[in-house]
Amino acid sequence: MGANKGSKMKQNSKGLKGVALLFMLLAVLASCSEGQEKEVITISAAASLKTSLQEINQNYMQDYPNQAVTFNFGSTGALRKQIEQGAPIDVFLSASSHDYEELKNSAIVHNGKVLFTNELVMVTKGSKVRTIQEVLQSEESIAIGNPAIVPAGEYAKQALTSFGAWNTLQGRFVYGKDVTHVLTLLEQGVAQVAIVYASEIVDDEYRVIHEFGEGDHQEIEYYSSVVKTSDNEEGALLFQQYLLTEKSLNVFQKYGFTIDIHQ
């Protein structure tokens, strides 16, 4: 009887040790899991940056596996308004100096950096018009971004104004919510001509009718700035610096953006 009792006590002791070891193992695994938790940053970026940023993000995740990035793409003006209203954004990538300056002057973002520039072009997919003069003299619809919220639309307005054609073309415009949507309107045949960034024209399915010059509109500069209310300012600064590395700038250049080799 006493021997049996002693045997059971030893078995219970072994069982308790086993449970204790299991809890210790679970604690170690939990600790490792916490150590591998990714730091997340949220980027609000101009729609024209979508393709290039998605490729850059693949590189970024390989180089910094403990970092994670989520993107919010749209028209620069709409994104600025979201940030002004308190949206939880870490980095703002703007396609216009105006929207960046608005946030900087309101002390909402830190001093930003110019990443690169872009060009403005008039394109078509099926129209027979050959020159901008033919477009202006025709009755064909022209897709542009809404100038109130889309920088590409504001640049288009400036360019057409320089040709003395903005007022006379009223009634022929079809407005897009961002520059990507402008191309969609062209694709769908809603418009026969579109004015977009040169970086949007990455293949031969579109024909460039006209390339606007520097004197036709304000310089198209892209800015990167960190939002002051960021919950992960260290990660935001890291990503901002990564955008200026040679590796990232080469990607932007591949997609048609103009890189200043002296920056």
C-alpha atoms as a PDB file:
ATOM      1  CA  MET A   1       0.000   0.000   0.000  1.00  0.00           C
ATOM      2  CA  GLY A   2       2.773   2.451   0.972  1.00  0.00           C
ATOM      3  CA  ALA A   3       4.794   1.394  -2.085  1.00  0.00           C
ATOM      4  CA  ASN A   4       1.822   2.071  -4.360  1.00  0.00           C
ATOM      5  CA  LYS A   5       1.292   5.496  -2.762  1.00  0.00           C
ATOM      6  CA  GLY A   6       4.954   6.390  -3.279  1.00  0.00           C
ATOM      7  CA  SER A   7       4.785   5.260  -6.895  1.00  0.00           C
ATOM      8  CA  LYS A   8       1.742   7.437  -7.558  1.00  0.00           C
ATOM      9  CA  MET A   9       3.453  10.451  -5.960  1.00  0.00           C
ATOM     10  CA  LYS A  10       6.455   9.963  -8.260  1.00  0.00           C
ATOM     11  CA  GLN A  11       4.155   9.719 -11.279  1.00  0.00           C
ATOM     12  CA  ASN A  12       2.301  12.889 -10.241  1.00  0.00           C
ATOM     13  CA  SER A  13       5.629  14.647  -9.757  1.00  0.00           C
ATOM     14  CA  LYS A  14       6.724  13.646 -13.263  1.00  0.00           C
ATOM     15  CA  GLY A  15       3.368  14.804 -14.613  1.00  0.00           C
ATOM     16  CA  LEU A  16       3.720  18.215 -12.968  1.00  0.00           C
ATOM     17  CA  LYS A  17       7.241  18.567 -14.318  1.00  0.00           C
ATOM     18  CA  GLY A  18       5.937  17.726 -17.781  1.00  0.00           C
ATOM     19  CA  VAL A  19       3.221  20.371 -17.521  1.00  0.00           C
ATOM     20  CA  ALA A  20       5.747  22.924 -16.252  1.00  0.00           C
ATOM     21  CA  LEU A  21       8.055  22.165 -19.183  1.00  0.00           C
ATOM     22  CA  LEU A  22       5.136  22.529 -21.597  1.00  0.00           C
ATOM     23  CA  PHE A  23       4.275  25.949 -20.198  1.00  0.00           C
ATOM     24  CA  MET A  24       7.924  26.990 -20.386  1.00  0.00           C
ATOM     25  CA  LEU A  25       8.062  25.888 -24.037  1.00  0.00           C
ATOM     26  CA  LEU A  26       4.871  27.796 -24.840  1.00  0.00           C
ATOM     27  CA  ALA A  27       6.283  30.884 -23.136  1.00  0.00           C
ATOM     28  CA  VAL A  28       9.475  30.674 -25.208  1.00  0.00           C
ATOM     29  CA  LEU A  29       7.461  30.247 -28.424  1.00  0.00           C
ATOM     30  CA  ALA A  30       5.267  33.190 -27.515  1.00  0.00           C
ATOM     31  CA  SER A  31       8.341  35.277 -26.818  1.00  0.00           C
ATOM     32  CA  CYS A  32       9.799  34.352 -30.209  1.00  0.00           C
ATOM     33  CA  SER A  33       6.518  35.173 -31.885  1.00  0.00           C
ATOM     34  CA  GLU A  34       6.465  38.599 -30.248  1.00  0.00           C
ATOM     35  CA  GLY A  35      10.044  39.161 -31.318  1.00  0.00           C
ATOM     36  CA  GLN A  36       9.104  38.468 -34.944  1.00  0.00           C
ATOM     37  CA  GLU A  37       6.086  40.805 -34.955  1.00  0.00           C
ATOM     38  CA  LYS A  38       6.374  43.232 -37.860  1.00  0.00           C
ATOM     39  CA  GLU A  39       6.383  46.993 -37.483  1.00  0.00           C
ATOM     40  CA  VAL A  40       3.667  48.391 -39.738  1.00  0.00           C
ATOM     41  CA  ILE A  41       3.588  51.763 -41.473  1.00  0.00           C
ATOM     42  CA  THR A  42       0.799  53.154 -43.642  1.00  0.00           C
ATOM     43  CA  ILE A  43       1.612  55.133 -46.775  1.00  0.00           C
ATOM     44  CA  SER A  44      -0.800  57.467 -48.550  1.00  0.00           C
ATOM     45  CA  ALA A  45       0.536  57.765 -52.099  1.00  0.00           C
ATOM     46  CA  ALA A  46      -0.480  59.357 -55.383  1.00  0.00           C
ATOM     47  CA  ALA A  47      -2.166  56.860 -57.711  1.00  0.00           C
ATOM     48  CA  SER A  48       0.567  57.361 -60.317  1.00  0.00           C
ATOM     49  CA  LEU A  49       3.054  55.704 -57.932  1.00  0.00           C
ATOM     50  CA  LYS A  50       1.146  52.443 -57.472  1.00  0.00           C
ATOM     51  CA  THR A  51       3.043  50.123 -59.827  1.00  0.00           C
ATOM     52  CA  SER A  52       6.511  51.371 -58.897  1.00  0.00           C
ATOM     53  CA  LEU A  53       5.820  51.359 -55.144  1.00  0.00           C
ATOM     54  CA  GLN A  54       4.498  47.817 -55.231  1.00  0.00           C
ATOM     55  CA  GLU A  55       7.769  46.653 -56.782  1.00  0.00           C
ATOM     56  CA  ILE A  56       9.848  48.710 -54.356  1.00  0.00           C
ATOM     57  CA  ASN A  57       7.895  47.274 -51.442  1.00  0.00           C
ATOM     58  CA  GLN A  58       8.891  43.749 -52.496  1.00  0.00           C
ATOM     59  CA  ASN A  59      12.539  44.812 -52.286  1.00  0.00           C
ATOM     60  CA  TYR A  60      11.932  46.589 -48.987  1.00  0.00           C
ATOM     61  CA  MET A  61      10.391  43.533 -47.334  1.00  0.00           C
ATOM     62  CA  GLN A  62      13.382  41.436 -48.410  1.00  0.00           C
ATOM     63  CA  ASP A  63      15.857  43.989 -47.053  1.00  0.00           C
ATOM     64  CA  TYR A  64      13.856  44.698 -43.860  1.00  0.00           C
ATOM     65  CA  PRO A  65      11.834  41.558 -43.033  1.00  0.00           C
ATOM     66  CA  ASN A  66      10.691  42.992 -39.682  1.00  0.00           C
ATOM     67  CA  GLN A  67       8.904  45.864 -41.486  1.00  0.00           C
ATOM     68  CA  ALA A  68       5.461  45.813 -43.142  1.00  0.00           C
ATOM     69  CA  VAL A  69       3.919  48.470 -45.363  1.00  0.00           C
ATOM     70  CA  THR A  70       0.278  49.093 -46.241  1.00  0.00           C
ATOM     71  CA  PHE A  71      -0.662  51.486 -49.040  1.00  0.00           C
ATOM     72  CA  ASN A  72      -3.542  53.878 -49.522  1.00  0.00           C
ATOM     73  CA  PHE A  73      -3.553  55.054 -53.162  1.00  0.00           C
ATOM     74  CA  GLY A  74      -5.652  57.882 -54.568  1.00  0.00           C
ATOM     75  CA  SER A  75      -5.598  61.420 -55.886  1.00  0.00           C
ATOM     76  CA  THR A  76      -3.108  63.591 -54.027  1.00  0.00           C
ATOM     77  CA  GLY A  77      -5.709  66.207 -53.122  1.00  0.00           C
ATOM     78  CA  ALA A  78      -8.106  63.646 -51.646  1.00  0.00           C
ATOM     79  CA  LEU A  79      -5.269  62.016 -49.669  1.00  0.00           C
ATOM     80  CA  ARG A  80      -4.210  65.400 -48.284  1.00  0.00           C
ATOM     81  CA  LYS A  81      -7.751  66.055 -47.055  1.00  0.00           C
ATOM     82  CA  GLN A  82      -7.836  62.647 -45.347  1.00  0.00           C
ATOM     83  CA  ILE A  83      -4.629  63.473 -43.479  1.00  0.00           C
ATOM     84  CA  GLU A  84      -5.970  66.909 -42.512  1.00  0.00           C
ATOM     85  CA  GLN A  85      -9.002  65.140 -41.033  1.00  0.00           C
ATOM     86  CA  GLY A  86      -6.799  62.895 -38.886  1.00  0.00           C
ATOM     87  CA  ALA A  87      -6.402  59.720 -40.939  1.00  0.00           C
ATOM     88  CA  PRO A  88      -3.755  57.430 -39.310  1.00  0.00           C
ATOM     89  CA  ILE A  89      -1.064  57.845 -41.959  1.00  0.00           C
ATOM     90  CA  ASP A  90       2.708  57.644 -41.469  1.00  0.00           C
ATOM     91  CA  VAL A  91       4.080  58.845 -44.824  1.00  0.00           C
ATOM     92  CA  PHE A  92       2.536  61.099 -47.483  1.00  0.00           C
ATOM     93  CA  LEU A  93       3.783  60.744 -51.076  1.00  0.00           C
ATOM     94  CA  SER A  94       2.435  63.694 -53.038  1.00  0.00           C
ATOM     95  CA  ALA A  95       2.369  64.330 -56.785  1.00  0.00           C
ATOM     96  CA  SER A  96       2.256  68.085 -56.252  1.00  0.00           C
ATOM     97  CA  SER A  97       4.219  70.665 -54.305  1.00  0.00           C
ATOM     98  CA  HIS A  98       0.947  72.462 -53.499  1.00  0.00           C
ATOM     99  CA  ASP A  99      -0.560  69.628 -51.447  1.00  0.00           C
ATOM    100  CA  TYR A 100       2.718  68.975 -49.657  1.00  0.00           C
ATOM    101  CA  GLU A 101       3.111  72.690 -48.855  1.00  0.00           C
ATOM    102  CA  GLU A 102      -0.463  72.846 -47.532  1.00  0.00           C
ATOM    103  CA  LEU A 103       0.314  70.152 -44.961  1.00  0.00           C
ATOM    104  CA  LYS A 104       3.746  71.542 -44.120  1.00  0.00           C
ATOM    105  CA  ASN A 105       2.411  75.059 -43.570  1.00  0.00           C
ATOM    106  CA  SER A 106      -0.276  73.609 -41.304  1.00  0.00           C
ATOM    107  CA  ALA A 107       2.446  71.839 -39.273  1.00  0.00           C
ATOM    108  CA  ILE A 108       0.908  68.442 -40.086  1.00  0.00           C
ATOM    109  CA  VAL A 109       4.018  66.937 -41.733  1.00  0.00           C
ATOM    110  CA  HIS A 110       7.737  67.301 -41.200  1.00  0.00           C
ATOM    111  CA  ASN A 111       9.917  68.938 -43.859  1.00  0.00           C
ATOM    112  CA  GLY A 112       9.786  66.650 -46.874  1.00  0.00           C
ATOM    113  CA  LYS A 113      12.078  65.581 -49.669  1.00  0.00           C
ATOM    114  CA  VAL A 114      11.722  65.876 -53.438  1.00  0.00           C
ATOM    115  CA  LEU A 115      11.925  62.371 -54.891  1.00  0.00           C
ATOM    116  CA  PHE A 116      11.802  63.011 -58.648  1.00  0.00           C
ATOM    117  CA  THR A 117       9.791  64.749 -61.379  1.00  0.00           C
ATOM    118  CA  ASN A 118       7.398  63.725 -64.138  1.00  0.00           C
ATOM    119  CA  GLU A 119       6.268  64.921 -67.562  1.00  0.00           C
ATOM    120  CA  LEU A 120       2.800  65.608 -68.967  1.00  0.00           C
ATOM    121  CA  VAL A 121       1.606  64.122 -72.250  1.00  0.00           C
ATOM    122  CA  MET A 122      -1.508  64.034 -74.404  1.00  0.00           C
ATOM    123  CA  VAL A 123      -2.272  60.517 -75.639  1.00  0.00           C
ATOM    124  CA  THR A 124      -4.832  58.529 -77.568  1.00  0.00           C
ATOM    125  CA  LYS A 125      -5.559  54.901 -78.258  1.00  0.00           C
ATOM    126  CA  GLY A 126      -7.856  54.879 -81.273  1.00  0.00           C
ATOM    127  CA  SER A 127      -8.240  58.449 -82.465  1.00  0.00           C
ATOM    128  CA  LYS A 128      -6.819  59.464 -85.837  1.00  0.00           C
ATOM    129  CA  VAL A 129      -5.763  62.948 -84.691  1.00  0.00           C
ATOM    130  CA  ARG A 130      -2.023  63.513 -85.065  1.00  0.00           C
ATOM    131  CA  THR A 131      -1.307  66.829 -83.347  1.00  0.00           C
ATOM    132  CA  ILE A 132      -2.573  68.877 -80.423  1.00  0.00           C
ATOM    133  CA  GLN A 133      -3.855  71.458 -82.896  1.00  0.00           C
ATOM    134  CA  GLU A 134      -6.029  68.785 -84.519  1.00  0.00           C
ATOM    135  CA  VAL A 135      -7.346  67.789 -81.096  1.00  0.00           C
ATOM    136  CA  LEU A 136      -8.258  71.378 -80.251  1.00  0.00           C
ATOM    137  CA  GLN A 137     -10.053  71.809 -83.581  1.00  0.00           C
ATOM    138  CA  SER A 138     -11.919  68.485 -83.326  1.00  0.00           C
ATOM    139  CA  GLU A 139     -14.995  67.560 -81.297  1.00  0.00           C
ATOM    140  CA  GLU A 140     -13.376  64.645 -79.498  1.00  0.00           C
ATOM    141  CA  SER A 141     -13.767  64.255 -75.742  1.00  0.00           C
ATOM    142  CA  ILE A 142     -10.697  64.796 -73.583  1.00  0.00           C
ATOM    143  CA  ALA A 143     -10.157  62.925 -70.311  1.00  0.00           C
ATOM    144  CA  ILE A 144      -8.289  64.781 -67.575  1.00  0.00           C
ATOM    145  CA  GLY A 145      -8.099  64.530 -63.815  1.00  0.00           C
ATOM    146  CA  ASN A 146     -10.454  66.677 -61.775  1.00  0.00           C
ATOM    147  CA  PRO A 147      -8.293  69.807 -61.281  1.00  0.00           C
ATOM    148  CA  ALA A 148      -9.742  70.364 -57.807  1.00  0.00           C
ATOM    149  CA  ILE A 149      -8.194  67.200 -56.353  1.00  0.00           C
ATOM    150  CA  VAL A 150      -5.975  65.617 -59.039  1.00  0.00           C
ATOM    151  CA  PRO A 151      -2.581  67.263 -59.649  1.00  0.00           C
ATOM    152  CA  ALA A 152      -2.424  65.831 -63.185  1.00  0.00           C
ATOM    153  CA  GLY A 153      -5.726  67.596 -63.852  1.00  0.00           C
ATOM    154  CA  GLU A 154      -4.398  70.885 -62.523  1.00  0.00           C
ATOM    155  CA  TYR A 155      -1.271  70.541 -64.679  1.00  0.00           C
ATOM    156  CA  ALA A 156      -3.513  69.760 -67.680  1.00  0.00           C
ATOM    157  CA  LYS A 157      -5.525  72.903 -66.959  1.00  0.00           C
ATOM    158  CA  GLN A 158      -2.330  74.969 -66.790  1.00  0.00           C
ATOM    159  CA  ALA A 159      -1.041  73.461 -70.052  1.00  0.00           C
ATOM    160  CA  LEU A 160      -4.272  74.009 -71.966  1.00  0.00           C
ATOM    161  CA  THR A 161      -4.510  77.538 -70.588  1.00  0.00           C
ATOM    162  CA  SER A 162      -1.026  78.214 -71.987  1.00  0.00           C
ATOM    163  CA  PHE A 163      -2.429  77.197 -75.394  1.00  0.00           C
ATOM    164  CA  GLY A 164      -5.358  79.563 -74.888  1.00  0.00           C
ATOM    165  CA  ALA A 165      -7.735  76.611 -75.098  1.00  0.00           C
ATOM    166  CA  TRP A 166      -9.002  75.938 -71.568  1.00  0.00           C
ATOM    167  CA  ASN A 167     -12.174  78.015 -71.825  1.00  0.00           C
ATOM    168  CA  THR A 168     -13.022  76.944 -75.368  1.00  0.00           C
ATOM    169  CA  LEU A 169     -12.747  73.250 -74.461  1.00  0.00           C
ATOM    170  CA  GLN A 170     -15.356  73.394 -71.688  1.00  0.00           C
ATOM    171  CA  GLY A 171     -18.019  70.797 -72.422  1.00  0.00           C
ATOM    172  CA  ARG A 172     -15.539  68.373 -73.967  1.00  0.00           C
ATOM    173  CA  PHE A 173     -13.829  67.315 -70.747  1.00  0.00           C
ATOM    174  CA  VAL A 174     -14.429  64.014 -68.988  1.00  0.00           C
ATOM    175  CA  TYR A 175     -13.054  64.130 -65.451  1.00  0.00           C
ATOM    176  CA  GLY A 176     -11.254  61.292 -63.682  1.00  0.00           C
ATOM    177  CA  LYS A 177     -10.959  60.851 -59.917  1.00  0.00           C
ATOM    178  CA  ASP A 178      -7.206  60.226 -60.265  1.00  0.00           C
ATOM    179  CA  VAL A 179      -4.696  59.880 -63.101  1.00  0.00           C
ATOM    180  CA  THR A 180      -5.181  56.104 -63.327  1.00  0.00           C
ATOM    181  CA  HIS A 181      -8.919  56.609 -63.735  1.00  0.00           C
ATOM    182  CA  VAL A 182      -8.223  59.059 -66.566  1.00  0.00           C
ATOM    183  CA  LEU A 183      -6.564  56.265 -68.558  1.00  0.00           C
ATOM    184  CA  THR A 184      -9.477  53.969 -67.725  1.00  0.00           C
ATOM    185  CA  LEU A 185     -11.840  56.502 -69.304  1.00  0.00           C
ATOM    186  CA  LEU A 186      -9.693  56.372 -72.433  1.00  0.00           C
ATOM    187  CA  GLU A 187      -9.635  52.567 -72.369  1.00  0.00           C
ATOM    188  CA  GLN A 188     -13.413  52.411 -72.096  1.00  0.00           C
ATOM    189  CA  GLY A 189     -13.920  54.807 -74.992  1.00  0.00           C
ATOM    190  CA  VAL A 190     -15.594  57.416 -72.788  1.00  0.00           C
ATOM    191  CA  ALA A 191     -12.968  59.837 -74.113  1.00  0.00           C
ATOM    192  CA  GLN A 192     -10.873  59.713 -77.280  1.00  0.00           C
ATOM    193  CA  VAL A 193      -7.924  61.681 -75.905  1.00  0.00           C
ATOM    194  CA  ALA A 194      -6.365  61.895 -72.431  1.00  0.00           C
ATOM    195  CA  ILE A 195      -3.811  64.078 -70.672  1.00  0.00           C
ATOM    196  CA  VAL A 196      -1.734  62.078 -68.189  1.00  0.00           C
ATOM    197  CA  TYR A 197       1.764  61.690 -66.797  1.00  0.00           C
ATOM    198  CA  ALA A 198       4.431  60.245 -69.062  1.00  0.00           C
ATOM    199  CA  SER A 199       5.051  57.569 -66.405  1.00  0.00           C
ATOM    200  CA  GLU A 200       1.559  56.171 -67.083  1.00  0.00           C
ATOM    201  CA  ILE A 201       2.474  55.314 -70.681  1.00  0.00           C
ATOM    202  CA  VAL A 202       4.584  52.201 -70.200  1.00  0.00           C
ATOM    203  CA  ASP A 203       3.743  50.301 -73.384  1.00  0.00           C
ATOM    204  CA  ASP A 204       2.926  50.817 -77.055  1.00  0.00           C
ATOM    205  CA  GLU A 205      -0.863  50.565 -76.799  1.00  0.00           C
ATOM    206  CA  TYR A 206      -1.074  54.349 -76.437  1.00  0.00           C
ATOM    207  CA  ARG A 207       0.104  56.901 -78.983  1.00  0.00           C
ATOM    208  CA  VAL A 208       1.579  60.151 -77.730  1.00  0.00           C
ATOM    209  CA  ILE A 209       0.059  63.120 -79.546  1.00  0.00           C
ATOM    210  CA  HIS A 210       1.932  65.842 -77.690  1.00  0.00           C
ATOM    211  CA  GLU A 211       4.564  66.225 -74.989  1.00  0.00           C
ATOM    212  CA  PHE A 212       4.008  69.392 -72.973  1.00  0.00           C
ATOM    213  CA  GLY A 213       7.087  71.462 -72.174  1.00  0.00           C
ATOM    214  CA  GLU A 214       8.330  73.013 -68.933  1.00  0.00           C
ATOM    215  CA  GLY A 215       6.873  76.389 -69.812  1.00  0.00           C
ATOM    216  CA  ASP A 216       3.385  74.962 -70.296  1.00  0.00           C
ATOM    217  CA  HIS A 217       2.776  74.080 -66.651  1.00  0.00           C
ATOM    218  CA  GLN A 218       4.272  74.084 -63.177  1.00  0.00           C
ATOM    219  CA  GLU A 219       7.084  71.599 -62.621  1.00  0.00           C
ATOM    220  CA  ILE A 220       5.684  68.194 -61.624  1.00  0.00           C
ATOM    221  CA  GLU A 221       7.546  67.307 -58.428  1.00  0.00           C
ATOM    222  CA  TYR A 222       6.862  64.350 -56.151  1.00  0.00           C
ATOM    223  CA  TYR A 223       7.367  64.882 -52.425  1.00  0.00           C
ATOM    224  CA  SER A 224       7.811  62.474 -49.547  1.00  0.00           C
ATOM    225  CA  SER A 225       7.005  63.648 -46.014  1.00  0.00           C
ATOM    226  CA  VAL A 226       6.463  62.011 -42.633  1.00  0.00           C
ATOM    227  CA  VAL A 227       3.224  62.834 -40.828  1.00  0.00           C
ATOM    228  CA  LYS A 228       3.874  64.285 -37.361  1.00  0.00           C
ATOM    229  CA  THR A 229       1.207  62.123 -35.704  1.00  0.00           C
ATOM    230  CA  SER A 230       2.813  58.905 -36.980  1.00  0.00           C
ATOM    231  CA  ASP A 231       2.766  56.044 -34.467  1.00  0.00           C
ATOM    232  CA  ASN A 232       5.934  54.639 -36.037  1.00  0.00           C
ATOM    233  CA  GLU A 233       8.082  57.612 -36.961  1.00  0.00           C
ATOM    234  CA  GLU A 234      11.269  55.535 -36.941  1.00  0.00           C
ATOM    235  CA  GLY A 235       9.806  53.100 -39.479  1.00  0.00           C
ATOM    236  CA  ALA A 236       8.387  55.973 -41.528  1.00  0.00           C
ATOM    237  CA  LEU A 237      11.803  57.651 -41.736  1.00  0.00           C
ATOM    238  CA  LEU A 238      13.418  54.341 -42.671  1.00  0.00           C
ATOM    239  CA  PHE A 239      11.002  53.851 -45.571  1.00  0.00           C
ATOM    240  CA  GLN A 240      11.413  57.459 -46.682  1.00  0.00           C
ATOM    241  CA  GLN A 241      15.182  57.029 -46.842  1.00  0.00           C
ATOM    242  CA  TYR A 242      14.756  53.730 -48.687  1.00  0.00           C
ATOM    243  CA  LEU A 243      12.876  55.528 -51.456  1.00  0.00           C
ATOM    244  CA  LEU A 244      15.996  57.612 -52.111  1.00  0.00           C
ATOM    245  CA  THR A 245      18.375  54.661 -52.416  1.00  0.00           C
ATOM    246  CA  GLU A 246      19.841  53.876 -55.823  1.00  0.00           C
ATOM    247  CA  LYS A 247      17.938  50.594 -55.833  1.00  0.00           C
ATOM    248  CA  SER A 248      14.574  52.357 -55.454  1.00  0.00           C
ATOM    249  CA  LEU A 249      15.355  55.269 -57.766  1.00  0.00           C
ATOM    250  CA  ASN A 250      16.231  52.787 -60.506  1.00  0.00           C
ATOM    251  CA  VAL A 251      12.735  51.323 -60.176  1.00  0.00           C
ATOM    252  CA  PHE A 252      11.119  54.753 -60.391  1.00  0.00           C
ATOM    253  CA  GLN A 253      13.218  55.552 -63.451  1.00  0.00           C
ATOM    254  CA  LYS A 254      12.173  52.271 -65.078  1.00  0.00           C
ATOM    255  CA  TYR A 255       8.550  53.369 -64.787  1.00  0.00           C
ATOM    256  CA  GLY A 256       9.127  56.704 -66.476  1.00  0.00           C
ATOM    257  CA  PHE A 257       9.883  59.125 -63.661  1.00  0.00           C
ATOM    258  CA  THR A 258      12.701  61.628 -64.147  1.00  0.00           C
ATOM    259  CA  ILE A 259      15.493  61.223 -61.597  1.00  0.00           C
ATOM    260  CA  ASP A 260      17.877  64.025 -60.723  1.00  0.00           C
ATOM    261  CA  ILE A 261      21.273  62.314 -60.796  1.00  0.00           C
ATOM    262  CA  HIS A 262      22.746  65.112 -58.647  1.00  0.00           C
ATOM    263  CA  GLN A 263      20.360  64.649 -55.688  1.00  0.00           C
END
